[in-house]
C-alpha cells in the first residue's frame, strides 16, 4: 500500500509541476504577443528605452536616433560608428515615444551609458 501512495504523490507532484510551468510560459507568451500586436497595429506608446543617438554640428544637435535592445549592443554599435564617421555618438536611456518598434521622438534623456 505504501508503494501505491508514493507513486500517487510522485504523479501528483509531477502534475502540479507541469501546471506551474504551463502557467508561467503562458504569462510570458501573452506579454510577447501583446508587444507584437502593438507593433503591428502601429500603436504609439511612451517608455524608457536604450537609444543610440547621433549628433552633428557645432554646437552638437541631435539628428538621428535608433532603438537598441540592450546596453552592450548599443555600446558595440557606437564604437563601430565612431570609427567610420566624424559625428558624435551617444548611448543613453531615454524617455521616448515609440511606434512600430521605432523611436518617433525623444522626450527626455535620462542617463548616458558609458
PDB file of N, CA and C in Angstrom:
ATOM      1  N   UNK A   1       0.817  -1.201   0.000  1.00  0.00           N
ATOM      2  CA  UNK A   1       0.000   0.000   0.000  1.00  0.00           C
ATOM      3  C   UNK A   1       0.860   1.263   0.000  1.00  0.00           C
ATOM      4  N   UNK A   2       1.981   1.232   0.671  1.00  0.00           N
ATOM      5  CA  UNK A   2       2.824   2.427   0.750  1.00  0.00           C
ATOM      6  C   UNK A   2       3.461   2.744  -0.603  1.00  0.00           C
ATOM      7  N   UNK A   3       3.754   1.716  -1.428  1.00  0.00           N
ATOM      8  CA  UNK A   3       4.309   1.954  -2.753  1.00  0.00           C
ATOM      9  C   UNK A   3       3.299   2.680  -3.638  1.00  0.00           C
ATOM     10  N   UNK A   4       2.049   2.343  -3.495  1.00  0.00           N
ATOM     11  CA  UNK A   4       0.993   2.989  -4.271  1.00  0.00           C
ATOM     12  C   UNK A   4       0.893   4.460  -3.865  1.00  0.00           C
ATOM     13  N   UNK A   5       0.992   4.749  -2.560  1.00  0.00           N
ATOM     14  CA  UNK A   5       0.934   6.139  -2.090  1.00  0.00           C
ATOM     15  C   UNK A   5       2.117   6.942  -2.619  1.00  0.00           C
ATOM     16  N   UNK A   6       3.296   6.365  -2.618  1.00  0.00           N
ATOM     17  CA  UNK A   6       4.486   7.062  -3.114  1.00  0.00           C
ATOM     18  C   UNK A   6       4.330   7.377  -4.594  1.00  0.00           C
ATOM     19  N   UNK A   7       3.865   6.407  -5.378  1.00  0.00           N
ATOM     20  CA  UNK A   7       3.648   6.624  -6.805  1.00  0.00           C
ATOM     21  C   UNK A   7       2.584   7.696  -7.017  1.00  0.00           C
ATOM     22  N   UNK A   8       1.511   7.650  -6.226  1.00  0.00           N
ATOM     23  CA  UNK A   8       0.449   8.642  -6.324  1.00  0.00           C
ATOM     24  C   UNK A   8       0.990  10.047  -6.044  1.00  0.00           C
ATOM     25  N   UNK A   9       1.779  10.216  -4.983  1.00  0.00           N
ATOM     26  CA  UNK A   9       2.340  11.526  -4.647  1.00  0.00           C
ATOM     27  C   UNK A   9       3.342  12.010  -5.708  1.00  0.00           C
ATOM     28  N   UNK A  10       4.107  11.097  -6.282  1.00  0.00           N
ATOM     29  CA  UNK A  10       5.009  11.475  -7.358  1.00  0.00           C
ATOM     30  C   UNK A  10       4.229  11.971  -8.585  1.00  0.00           C
ATOM     31  N   UNK A  11       3.180  11.265  -8.937  1.00  0.00           N
ATOM     32  CA  UNK A  11       2.353  11.678 -10.070  1.00  0.00           C
ATOM     33  C   UNK A  11       1.675  13.013  -9.770  1.00  0.00           C
ATOM     34  N   UNK A  12       1.177  13.171  -8.563  1.00  0.00           N
ATOM     35  CA  UNK A  12       0.528  14.420  -8.164  1.00  0.00           C
ATOM     36  C   UNK A  12       1.532  15.584  -8.207  1.00  0.00           C
ATOM     37  N   UNK A  13       2.740  15.366  -7.721  1.00  0.00           N
ATOM     38  CA  UNK A  13       3.781  16.396  -7.774  1.00  0.00           C
ATOM     39  C   UNK A  13       4.131  16.761  -9.200  1.00  0.00           C
ATOM     40  N   UNK A  14       4.210  15.752 -10.065  1.00  0.00           N
ATOM     41  CA  UNK A  14       4.507  15.992 -11.476  1.00  0.00           C
ATOM     42  C   UNK A  14       3.405  16.822 -12.135  1.00  0.00           C
ATOM     43  N   UNK A  15       2.161  16.530 -11.829  1.00  0.00           N
ATOM     44  CA  UNK A  15       1.032  17.278 -12.389  1.00  0.00           C
ATOM     45  C   UNK A  15       1.084  18.738 -11.940  1.00  0.00           C
ATOM     46  N   UNK A  16       1.361  18.984 -10.660  1.00  0.00           N
ATOM     47  CA  UNK A  16       1.478  20.358 -10.170  1.00  0.00           C
ATOM     48  C   UNK A  16       2.642  21.085 -10.849  1.00  0.00           C
ATOM     49  N   UNK A  17       3.753  20.399 -11.012  1.00  0.00           N
ATOM     50  CA  UNK A  17       4.914  20.995 -11.682  1.00  0.00           C
ATOM     51  C   UNK A  17       4.573  21.378 -13.118  1.00  0.00           C
ATOM     52  N   UNK A  18       3.958  20.474 -13.868  1.00  0.00           N
ATOM     53  CA  UNK A  18       3.594  20.754 -15.256  1.00  0.00           C
ATOM     54  C   UNK A  18       2.578  21.899 -15.339  1.00  0.00           C
ATOM     55  N   UNK A  19       1.664  21.961 -14.396  1.00  0.00           N
ATOM     56  CA  UNK A  19       0.701  23.061 -14.358  1.00  0.00           C
ATOM     57  C   UNK A  19       1.386  24.389 -14.114  1.00  0.00           C
ATOM     58  N   UNK A  20       2.342  24.427 -13.197  1.00  0.00           N
ATOM     59  CA  UNK A  20       3.092  25.645 -12.897  1.00  0.00           C
ATOM     60  C   UNK A  20       3.889  26.109 -14.117  1.00  0.00           C
ATOM     61  N   UNK A  21       4.567  25.189 -14.768  1.00  0.00           N
ATOM     62  CA  UNK A  21       5.357  25.530 -15.957  1.00  0.00           C
ATOM     63  C   UNK A  21       4.453  26.050 -17.070  1.00  0.00           C
ATOM     64  N   UNK A  22       3.314  25.407 -17.282  1.00  0.00           N
ATOM     65  CA  UNK A  22       2.387  25.855 -18.326  1.00  0.00           C
ATOM     66  C   UNK A  22       1.855  27.247 -18.011  1.00  0.00           C
ATOM     67  N   UNK A  23       1.571  27.524 -16.758  1.00  0.00           N
ATOM     68  CA  UNK A  23       1.045  28.835 -16.357  1.00  0.00           C
ATOM     69  C   UNK A  23       2.084  29.924 -16.554  1.00  0.00           C
ATOM     70  N   UNK A  24       3.324  29.695 -16.144  1.00  0.00           N
ATOM     71  CA  UNK A  24       4.362  30.720 -16.301  1.00  0.00           C
ATOM     72  C   UNK A  24       4.695  30.937 -17.771  1.00  0.00           C
ATOM     73  N   UNK A  25       4.748  29.894 -18.569  1.00  0.00           N
ATOM     74  CA  UNK A  25       5.005  30.052 -20.007  1.00  0.00           C
ATOM     75  C   UNK A  25       3.872  30.814 -20.686  1.00  0.00           C
ATOM     76  N   UNK A  26       2.647  30.593 -20.227  1.00  0.00           N
ATOM     77  CA  UNK A  26       1.504  31.305 -20.782  1.00  0.00           C
ATOM     78  C   UNK A  26       1.627  32.799 -20.510  1.00  0.00           C
ATOM     79  N   UNK A  27       2.019  33.177 -19.288  1.00  0.00           N
ATOM     80  CA  UNK A  27       2.176  34.592 -18.943  1.00  0.00           C
ATOM     81  C   UNK A  27       3.255  35.243 -19.799  1.00  0.00           C
ATOM     82  N   UNK A  28       4.370  34.575 -19.992  1.00  0.00           N
ATOM     83  CA  UNK A  28       5.456  35.116 -20.804  1.00  0.00           C
ATOM     84  C   UNK A  28       5.001  35.247 -22.251  1.00  0.00           C
ATOM     85  N   UNK A  29       4.321  34.250 -22.750  1.00  0.00           N
ATOM     86  CA  UNK A  29       3.854  34.282 -24.124  1.00  0.00           C
ATOM     87  C   UNK A  29       2.844  35.385 -24.378  1.00  0.00           C
ATOM     88  N   UNK A  30       1.994  35.660 -23.399  1.00  0.00           N
ATOM     89  CA  UNK A  30       0.986  36.711 -23.562  1.00  0.00           C
ATOM     90  C   UNK A  30       1.653  38.075 -23.679  1.00  0.00           C
ATOM     91  N   UNK A  31       2.644  38.357 -22.843  1.00  0.00           N
ATOM     92  CA  UNK A  31       3.298  39.664 -22.903  1.00  0.00           C
ATOM     93  C   UNK A  31       4.032  39.840 -24.229  1.00  0.00           C
ATOM     94  N   UNK A  32       4.639  38.771 -24.733  1.00  0.00           N
ATOM     95  CA  UNK A  32       5.303  38.847 -26.032  1.00  0.00           C
ATOM     96  C   UNK A  32       4.296  39.112 -27.152  1.00  0.00           C
ATOM     97  N   UNK A  33       3.161  38.457 -27.069  1.00  0.00           N
ATOM     98  CA  UNK A  33       2.144  38.647 -28.101  1.00  0.00           C
ATOM     99  C   UNK A  33       1.540  40.047 -28.047  1.00  0.00           C
ATOM    100  N   UNK A  34       1.372  40.597 -26.850  1.00  0.00           N
ATOM    101  CA  UNK A  34       0.836  41.951 -26.720  1.00  0.00           C
ATOM    102  C   UNK A  34       1.789  42.948 -27.367  1.00  0.00           C
ATOM    103  N   UNK A  35       3.089  42.803 -27.112  1.00  0.00           N
ATOM    104  CA  UNK A  35       4.088  43.678 -27.715  1.00  0.00           C
ATOM    105  C   UNK A  35       4.067  43.555 -29.231  1.00  0.00           C
ATOM    106  N   UNK A  36       3.963  42.339 -29.720  1.00  0.00           N
ATOM    107  CA  UNK A  36       3.925  42.102 -31.163  1.00  0.00           C
ATOM    108  C   UNK A  36       2.692  42.743 -31.798  1.00  0.00           C
ATOM    109  N   UNK A  37       1.537  42.623 -31.146  1.00  0.00           N
ATOM    110  CA  UNK A  37       0.314  43.223 -31.676  1.00  0.00           C
ATOM    111  C   UNK A  37       0.383  44.744 -31.664  1.00  0.00           C
ATOM    112  N   UNK A  38       0.987  45.326 -30.616  1.00  0.00           N
ATOM    113  CA  UNK A  38       1.141  46.781 -30.560  1.00  0.00           C
ATOM    114  C   UNK A  38       1.998  47.275 -31.718  1.00  0.00           C
ATOM    115  N   UNK A  39       3.061  46.540 -32.034  1.00  0.00           N
ATOM    116  CA  UNK A  39       3.929  46.939 -33.138  1.00  0.00           C
ATOM    117  C   UNK A  39       3.209  46.832 -34.474  1.00  0.00           C
ATOM    118  N   UNK A  40       2.432  45.773 -34.666  1.00  0.00           N
ATOM    119  CA  UNK A  40       1.724  45.595 -35.930  1.00  0.00           C
ATOM    120  C   UNK A  40       0.612  46.624 -36.110  1.00  0.00           C
ATOM    121  N   UNK A  41      -0.021  47.019 -35.007  1.00  0.00           N
ATOM    122  CA  UNK A  41      -1.139  47.952 -35.081  1.00  0.00           C
ATOM    123  C   UNK A  41      -0.683  49.398 -35.143  1.00  0.00           C
ATOM    124  N   UNK A  42       0.637  49.629 -35.137  1.00  0.00           N
ATOM    125  CA  UNK A  42       1.183  50.983 -35.110  1.00  0.00           C
ATOM    126  C   UNK A  42       0.629  51.781 -33.938  1.00  0.00           C
ATOM    127  N   UNK A  43       0.535  51.114 -32.804  1.00  0.00           N
ATOM    128  CA  UNK A  43       0.071  51.742 -31.577  1.00  0.00           C
ATOM    129  C   UNK A  43       1.218  52.553 -30.991  1.00  0.00           C
ATOM    130  N   UNK A  44       1.000  53.837 -30.749  1.00  0.00           N
ATOM    131  CA  UNK A  44       2.058  54.682 -30.205  1.00  0.00           C
ATOM    132  C   UNK A  44       2.024  54.613 -28.685  1.00  0.00           C
ATOM    133  N   UNK A  45       3.206  54.408 -28.102  1.00  0.00           N
ATOM    134  CA  UNK A  45       3.311  54.343 -26.647  1.00  0.00           C
ATOM    135  C   UNK A  45       4.553  55.105 -26.210  1.00  0.00           C
ATOM    136  N   UNK A  46       4.620  55.370 -24.916  1.00  0.00           N
ATOM    137  CA  UNK A  46       5.754  56.093 -24.359  1.00  0.00           C
ATOM    138  C   UNK A  46       6.442  55.195 -23.345  1.00  0.00           C
ATOM    139  N   UNK A  47       7.785  55.204 -23.338  1.00  0.00           N
ATOM    140  CA  UNK A  47       8.506  54.366 -22.400  1.00  0.00           C
ATOM    141  C   UNK A  47       9.990  54.684 -22.362  1.00  0.00           C
ATOM    142  N   UNK A  48      10.652  54.087 -21.384  1.00  0.00           N
ATOM    143  CA  UNK A  48      12.098  54.242 -21.241  1.00  0.00           C
ATOM    144  C   UNK A  48      12.788  53.149 -22.035  1.00  0.00           C
ATOM    145  N   UNK A  49      13.657  53.535 -22.963  1.00  0.00           N
ATOM    146  CA  UNK A  49      14.361  52.591 -23.827  1.00  0.00           C
ATOM    147  C   UNK A  49      15.823  53.012 -23.965  1.00  0.00           C
ATOM    148  N   UNK A  50      16.627  52.110 -24.507  1.00  0.00           N
ATOM    149  CA  UNK A  50      18.027  52.413 -24.800  1.00  0.00           C
ATOM    150  C   UNK A  50      18.105  52.859 -26.258  1.00  0.00           C
ATOM    151  N   UNK A  51      18.791  53.987 -26.475  1.00  0.00           N
ATOM    152  CA  UNK A  51      18.883  54.537 -27.824  1.00  0.00           C
ATOM    153  C   UNK A  51      20.324  54.901 -28.158  1.00  0.00           C
ATOM    154  N   UNK A  52      20.683  54.696 -29.413  1.00  0.00           N
ATOM    155  CA  UNK A  52      21.944  55.175 -29.956  1.00  0.00           C
ATOM    156  C   UNK A  52      21.612  56.463 -30.703  1.00  0.00           C
ATOM    157  N   UNK A  53      22.235  57.556 -30.275  1.00  0.00           N
ATOM    158  CA  UNK A  53      21.905  58.861 -30.847  1.00  0.00           C
ATOM    159  C   UNK A  53      23.124  59.456 -31.542  1.00  0.00           C
ATOM    160  N   UNK A  54      22.885  60.123 -32.681  1.00  0.00           N
ATOM    161  CA  UNK A  54      23.952  60.746 -33.452  1.00  0.00           C
ATOM    162  C   UNK A  54      23.768  62.256 -33.419  1.00  0.00           C
ATOM    163  N   UNK A  55      24.847  62.951 -33.070  1.00  0.00           N
ATOM    164  CA  UNK A  55      24.832  64.407 -33.013  1.00  0.00           C
ATOM    165  C   UNK A  55      25.768  64.956 -34.094  1.00  0.00           C
ATOM    166  N   UNK A  56      25.317  66.004 -34.781  1.00  0.00           N
ATOM    167  CA  UNK A  56      26.118  66.680 -35.799  1.00  0.00           C
ATOM    168  C   UNK A  56      26.107  68.181 -35.548  1.00  0.00           C
ATOM    169  N   UNK A  57      27.137  68.852 -36.030  1.00  0.00           N
ATOM    170  CA  UNK A  57      27.179  70.298 -35.994  1.00  0.00           C
ATOM    171  C   UNK A  57      27.944  70.844 -34.800  1.00  0.00           C
ATOM    172  N   UNK A  58      28.020  72.194 -34.790  1.00  0.00           N
ATOM    173  CA  UNK A  58      28.674  72.882 -33.678  1.00  0.00           C
ATOM    174  C   UNK A  58      27.796  74.065 -33.300  1.00  0.00           C
ATOM    175  N   UNK A  59      27.050  74.040 -32.244  1.00  0.00           N
ATOM    176  CA  UNK A  59      27.015  73.033 -31.180  1.00  0.00           C
ATOM    177  C   UNK A  59      26.316  71.763 -31.662  1.00  0.00           C
ATOM    178  N   UNK A  60      26.660  70.626 -31.039  1.00  0.00           N
ATOM    179  CA  UNK A  60      26.063  69.353 -31.475  1.00  0.00           C
ATOM    180  C   UNK A  60      24.540  69.361 -31.375  1.00  0.00           C
ATOM    181  N   UNK A  61      23.916  68.889 -32.445  1.00  0.00           N
ATOM    182  CA  UNK A  61      22.458  68.828 -32.500  1.00  0.00           C
ATOM    183  C   UNK A  61      22.033  67.408 -32.868  1.00  0.00           C
ATOM    184  N   UNK A  62      21.057  66.880 -32.165  1.00  0.00           N
ATOM    185  CA  UNK A  62      20.577  65.514 -32.409  1.00  0.00           C
ATOM    186  C   UNK A  62      19.970  65.427 -33.804  1.00  0.00           C
ATOM    187  N   UNK A  63      20.521  64.521 -34.628  1.00  0.00           N
ATOM    188  CA  UNK A  63      20.000  64.360 -35.985  1.00  0.00           C
ATOM    189  C   UNK A  63      19.384  62.989 -36.218  1.00  0.00           C
ATOM    190  N   UNK A  64      19.890  61.952 -35.565  1.00  0.00           N
ATOM    191  CA  UNK A  64      19.377  60.591 -35.752  1.00  0.00           C
ATOM    192  C   UNK A  64      19.312  59.876 -34.409  1.00  0.00           C
ATOM    193  N   UNK A  65      18.396  58.918 -34.310  1.00  0.00           N
ATOM    194  CA  UNK A  65      18.310  58.067 -33.119  1.00  0.00           C
ATOM    195  C   UNK A  65      17.831  56.686 -33.533  1.00  0.00           C
ATOM    196  N   UNK A  66      18.297  55.684 -32.800  1.00  0.00           N
ATOM    197  CA  UNK A  66      17.999  54.293 -33.135  1.00  0.00           C
ATOM    198  C   UNK A  66      17.687  53.522 -31.868  1.00  0.00           C
ATOM    199  N   UNK A  67      16.587  52.790 -31.867  1.00  0.00           N
ATOM    200  CA  UNK A  67      16.208  51.935 -30.738  1.00  0.00           C
ATOM    201  C   UNK A  67      17.113  50.714 -30.712  1.00  0.00           C
ATOM    202  N   UNK A  68      17.689  50.403 -29.530  1.00  0.00           N
ATOM    203  CA  UNK A  68      18.598  49.270 -29.372  1.00  0.00           C
ATOM    204  C   UNK A  68      18.074  48.393 -28.243  1.00  0.00           C
ATOM    205  N   UNK A  69      18.238  47.069 -28.398  1.00  0.00           N
ATOM    206  CA  UNK A  69      17.686  46.131 -27.420  1.00  0.00           C
ATOM    207  C   UNK A  69      18.387  46.146 -26.067  1.00  0.00           C
ATOM    208  N   UNK A  70      19.732  46.246 -26.050  1.00  0.00           N
ATOM    209  CA  UNK A  70      20.441  46.210 -24.778  1.00  0.00           C
ATOM    210  C   UNK A  70      21.664  47.111 -24.798  1.00  0.00           C
ATOM    211  N   UNK A  71      22.216  47.323 -23.609  1.00  0.00           N
ATOM    212  CA  UNK A  71      23.333  48.252 -23.433  1.00  0.00           C
ATOM    213  C   UNK A  71      24.589  47.806 -24.179  1.00  0.00           C
ATOM    214  N   UNK A  72      24.918  46.531 -24.097  1.00  0.00           N
ATOM    215  CA  UNK A  72      26.145  46.052 -24.735  1.00  0.00           C
ATOM    216  C   UNK A  72      26.078  46.201 -26.263  1.00  0.00           C
ATOM    217  N   UNK A  73      24.923  45.930 -26.855  1.00  0.00           N
ATOM    218  CA  UNK A  73      24.751  46.086 -28.301  1.00  0.00           C
ATOM    219  C   UNK A  73      24.885  47.558 -28.692  1.00  0.00           C
ATOM    220  N   UNK A  74      24.349  48.446 -27.877  1.00  0.00           N
ATOM    221  CA  UNK A  74      24.431  49.875 -28.155  1.00  0.00           C
ATOM    222  C   UNK A  74      25.876  50.360 -28.126  1.00  0.00           C
ATOM    223  N   UNK A  75      26.609  49.949 -27.100  1.00  0.00           N
ATOM    224  CA  UNK A  75      27.998  50.371 -26.986  1.00  0.00           C
ATOM    225  C   UNK A  75      28.857  49.815 -28.124  1.00  0.00           C
ATOM    226  N   UNK A  76      28.550  48.594 -28.554  1.00  0.00           N
ATOM    227  CA  UNK A  76      29.258  47.993 -29.688  1.00  0.00           C
ATOM    228  C   UNK A  76      28.983  48.776 -30.975  1.00  0.00           C
ATOM    229  N   UNK A  77      27.724  49.114 -31.199  1.00  0.00           N
ATOM    230  CA  UNK A  77      27.352  49.877 -32.392  1.00  0.00           C
ATOM    231  C   UNK A  77      27.958  51.280 -32.352  1.00  0.00           C
ATOM    232  N   UNK A  78      28.021  51.883 -31.170  1.00  0.00           N
ATOM    233  CA  UNK A  78      28.614  53.208 -31.012  1.00  0.00           C
ATOM    234  C   UNK A  78      30.089  53.187 -31.409  1.00  0.00           C
ATOM    235  N   UNK A  79      30.799  52.183 -30.953  1.00  0.00           N
ATOM    236  CA  UNK A  79      32.229  52.079 -31.258  1.00  0.00           C
ATOM    237  C   UNK A  79      32.459  51.952 -32.763  1.00  0.00           C
ATOM    238  N   UNK A  80      31.667  51.117 -33.413  1.00  0.00           N
ATOM    239  CA  UNK A  80      31.798  50.943 -34.863  1.00  0.00           C
ATOM    240  C   UNK A  80      31.471  52.246 -35.591  1.00  0.00           C
ATOM    241  N   UNK A  81      30.417  52.927 -35.160  1.00  0.00           N
ATOM    242  CA  UNK A  81      30.011  54.170 -35.815  1.00  0.00           C
ATOM    243  C   UNK A  81      31.062  55.264 -35.651  1.00  0.00           C
ATOM    244  N   UNK A  82      31.660  55.360 -34.473  1.00  0.00           N
ATOM    245  CA  UNK A  82      32.675  56.395 -34.247  1.00  0.00           C
ATOM    246  C   UNK A  82      33.936  56.137 -35.069  1.00  0.00           C
ATOM    247  N   UNK A  83      34.237  54.875 -35.354  1.00  0.00           N
ATOM    248  CA  UNK A  83      35.407  54.546 -36.169  1.00  0.00           C
ATOM    249  C   UNK A  83      35.200  54.891 -37.635  1.00  0.00           C
ATOM    250  N   UNK A  84      33.954  54.913 -38.089  1.00  0.00           N
ATOM    251  CA  UNK A  84      33.678  55.124 -39.511  1.00  0.00           C
ATOM    252  C   UNK A  84      33.037  56.470 -39.816  1.00  0.00           C
ATOM    253  N   UNK A  85      32.891  57.346 -38.807  1.00  0.00           N
ATOM    254  CA  UNK A  85      32.203  58.614 -39.019  1.00  0.00           C
ATOM    255  C   UNK A  85      32.825  59.714 -38.162  1.00  0.00           C
ATOM    256  N   UNK A  86      32.577  60.955 -38.558  1.00  0.00           N
ATOM    257  CA  UNK A  86      33.074  62.091 -37.787  1.00  0.00           C
ATOM    258  C   UNK A  86      32.019  62.655 -36.836  1.00  0.00           C
ATOM    259  N   UNK A  87      30.849  62.054 -36.787  1.00  0.00           N
ATOM    260  CA  UNK A  87      29.778  62.516 -35.908  1.00  0.00           C
ATOM    261  C   UNK A  87      30.049  62.076 -34.470  1.00  0.00           C
ATOM    262  N   UNK A  88      29.343  62.710 -33.528  1.00  0.00           N
ATOM    263  CA  UNK A  88      29.431  62.331 -32.118  1.00  0.00           C
ATOM    264  C   UNK A  88      28.262  61.399 -31.823  1.00  0.00           C
ATOM    265  N   UNK A  89      28.558  60.251 -31.239  1.00  0.00           N
ATOM    266  CA  UNK A  89      27.533  59.261 -30.914  1.00  0.00           C
ATOM    267  C   UNK A  89      27.428  59.093 -29.399  1.00  0.00           C
ATOM    268  N   UNK A  90      26.209  58.753 -28.954  1.00  0.00           N
ATOM    269  CA  UNK A  90      25.979  58.594 -27.524  1.00  0.00           C
ATOM    270  C   UNK A  90      24.935  57.501 -27.312  1.00  0.00           C
ATOM    271  N   UNK A  91      25.207  56.613 -26.351  1.00  0.00           N
ATOM    272  CA  UNK A  91      24.221  55.623 -25.924  1.00  0.00           C
ATOM    273  C   UNK A  91      23.572  56.149 -24.655  1.00  0.00           C
ATOM    274  N   UNK A  92      22.252  56.113 -24.592  1.00  0.00           N
ATOM    275  CA  UNK A  92      21.577  56.658 -23.423  1.00  0.00           C
ATOM    276  C   UNK A  92      20.242  55.951 -23.208  1.00  0.00           C
ATOM    277  N   UNK A  93      19.811  55.999 -21.968  1.00  0.00           N
ATOM    278  CA  UNK A  93      18.451  55.580 -21.637  1.00  0.00           C
ATOM    279  C   UNK A  93      17.599  56.831 -21.768  1.00  0.00           C
ATOM    280  N   UNK A  94      16.584  56.758 -22.607  1.00  0.00           N
ATOM    281  CA  UNK A  94      15.765  57.929 -22.893  1.00  0.00           C
ATOM    282  C   UNK A  94      14.283  57.619 -22.696  1.00  0.00           C
ATOM    283  N   UNK A  95      13.527  58.662 -22.406  1.00  0.00           N
ATOM    284  CA  UNK A  95      12.073  58.580 -22.382  1.00  0.00           C
ATOM    285  C   UNK A  95      11.623  58.971 -23.782  1.00  0.00           C
ATOM    286  N   UNK A  96      11.030  58.024 -24.503  1.00  0.00           N
ATOM    287  CA  UNK A  96      10.725  58.258 -25.917  1.00  0.00           C
ATOM    288  C   UNK A  96       9.325  57.793 -26.283  1.00  0.00           C
ATOM    289  N   UNK A  97       8.820  58.336 -27.376  1.00  0.00           N
ATOM    290  CA  UNK A  97       7.578  57.853 -27.979  1.00  0.00           C
ATOM    291  C   UNK A  97       7.956  56.795 -29.002  1.00  0.00           C
ATOM    292  N   UNK A  98       7.301  55.633 -28.920  1.00  0.00           N
ATOM    293  CA  UNK A  98       7.612  54.504 -29.787  1.00  0.00           C
ATOM    294  C   UNK A  98       6.399  54.158 -30.642  1.00  0.00           C
ATOM    295  N   UNK A  99       6.674  53.811 -31.892  1.00  0.00           N
ATOM    296  CA  UNK A  99       5.602  53.389 -32.788  1.00  0.00           C
ATOM    297  C   UNK A  99       6.163  52.361 -33.750  1.00  0.00           C
ATOM    298  N   UNK A 100       5.606  51.183 -33.740  1.00  0.00           N
ATOM    299  CA  UNK A 100       6.043  50.137 -34.655  1.00  0.00           C
ATOM    300  C   UNK A 100       7.468  49.684 -34.409  1.00  0.00           C
ATOM    301  N   UNK A 101       7.933  49.679 -33.176  1.00  0.00           N
ATOM    302  CA  UNK A 101       9.283  49.233 -32.858  1.00  0.00           C
ATOM    303  C   UNK A 101      10.361  50.254 -33.184  1.00  0.00           C
ATOM    304  N   UNK A 102       9.961  51.516 -33.421  1.00  0.00           N
ATOM    305  CA  UNK A 102      10.919  52.572 -33.730  1.00  0.00           C
ATOM    306  C   UNK A 102      10.642  53.783 -32.846  1.00  0.00           C
ATOM    307  N   UNK A 103      11.684  54.578 -32.624  1.00  0.00           N
ATOM    308  CA  UNK A 103      11.538  55.802 -31.846  1.00  0.00           C
ATOM    309  C   UNK A 103      11.027  56.897 -32.773  1.00  0.00           C
ATOM    310  N   UNK A 104       9.885  57.509 -32.409  1.00  0.00           N
ATOM    311  CA  UNK A 104       9.371  58.617 -33.207  1.00  0.00           C
ATOM    312  C   UNK A 104       9.871  59.957 -32.681  1.00  0.00           C
ATOM    313  N   UNK A 105       9.999  60.073 -31.362  1.00  0.00           N
ATOM    314  CA  UNK A 105      10.554  61.301 -30.787  1.00  0.00           C
ATOM    315  C   UNK A 105      11.105  61.002 -29.398  1.00  0.00           C
ATOM    316  N   UNK A 106      12.103  61.790 -29.015  1.00  0.00           N
ATOM    317  CA  UNK A 106      12.714  61.638 -27.695  1.00  0.00           C
ATOM    318  C   UNK A 106      12.229  62.785 -26.823  1.00  0.00           C
ATOM    319  N   UNK A 107      11.626  62.424 -25.686  1.00  0.00           N
ATOM    320  CA  UNK A 107      11.098  63.430 -24.773  1.00  0.00           C
ATOM    321  C   UNK A 107      12.163  63.937 -23.806  1.00  0.00           C
ATOM    322  N   UNK A 108      12.959  62.998 -23.274  1.00  0.00           N
ATOM    323  CA  UNK A 108      13.951  63.374 -22.269  1.00  0.00           C
ATOM    324  C   UNK A 108      15.063  62.339 -22.235  1.00  0.00           C
ATOM    325  N   UNK A 109      16.295  62.800 -22.081  1.00  0.00           N
ATOM    326  CA  UNK A 109      17.439  61.910 -21.915  1.00  0.00           C
ATOM    327  C   UNK A 109      17.609  61.663 -20.414  1.00  0.00           C
ATOM    328  N   UNK A 110      17.509  60.401 -19.999  1.00  0.00           N
ATOM    329  CA  UNK A 110      17.527  60.079 -18.571  1.00  0.00           C
ATOM    330  C   UNK A 110      18.917  59.771 -18.048  1.00  0.00           C
ATOM    331  N   UNK A 111      19.689  58.948 -18.782  1.00  0.00           N
ATOM    332  CA  UNK A 111      21.002  58.531 -18.306  1.00  0.00           C
ATOM    333  C   UNK A 111      21.893  58.176 -19.489  1.00  0.00           C
ATOM    334  N   UNK A 112      23.107  58.716 -19.487  1.00  0.00           N
ATOM    335  CA  UNK A 112      24.066  58.394 -20.538  1.00  0.00           C
ATOM    336  C   UNK A 112      24.829  57.140 -20.121  1.00  0.00           C
ATOM    337  N   UNK A 113      24.951  56.186 -21.040  1.00  0.00           N
ATOM    338  CA  UNK A 113      25.646  54.933 -20.767  1.00  0.00           C
ATOM    339  C   UNK A 113      27.104  55.040 -21.202  1.00  0.00           C
ATOM    340  N   UNK A 114      27.992  54.510 -20.406  1.00  0.00           N
ATOM    341  CA  UNK A 114      29.433  54.583 -20.699  1.00  0.00           C
ATOM    342  C   UNK A 114      29.948  53.224 -21.121  1.00  0.00           C
TER     343      UNK A 114
END
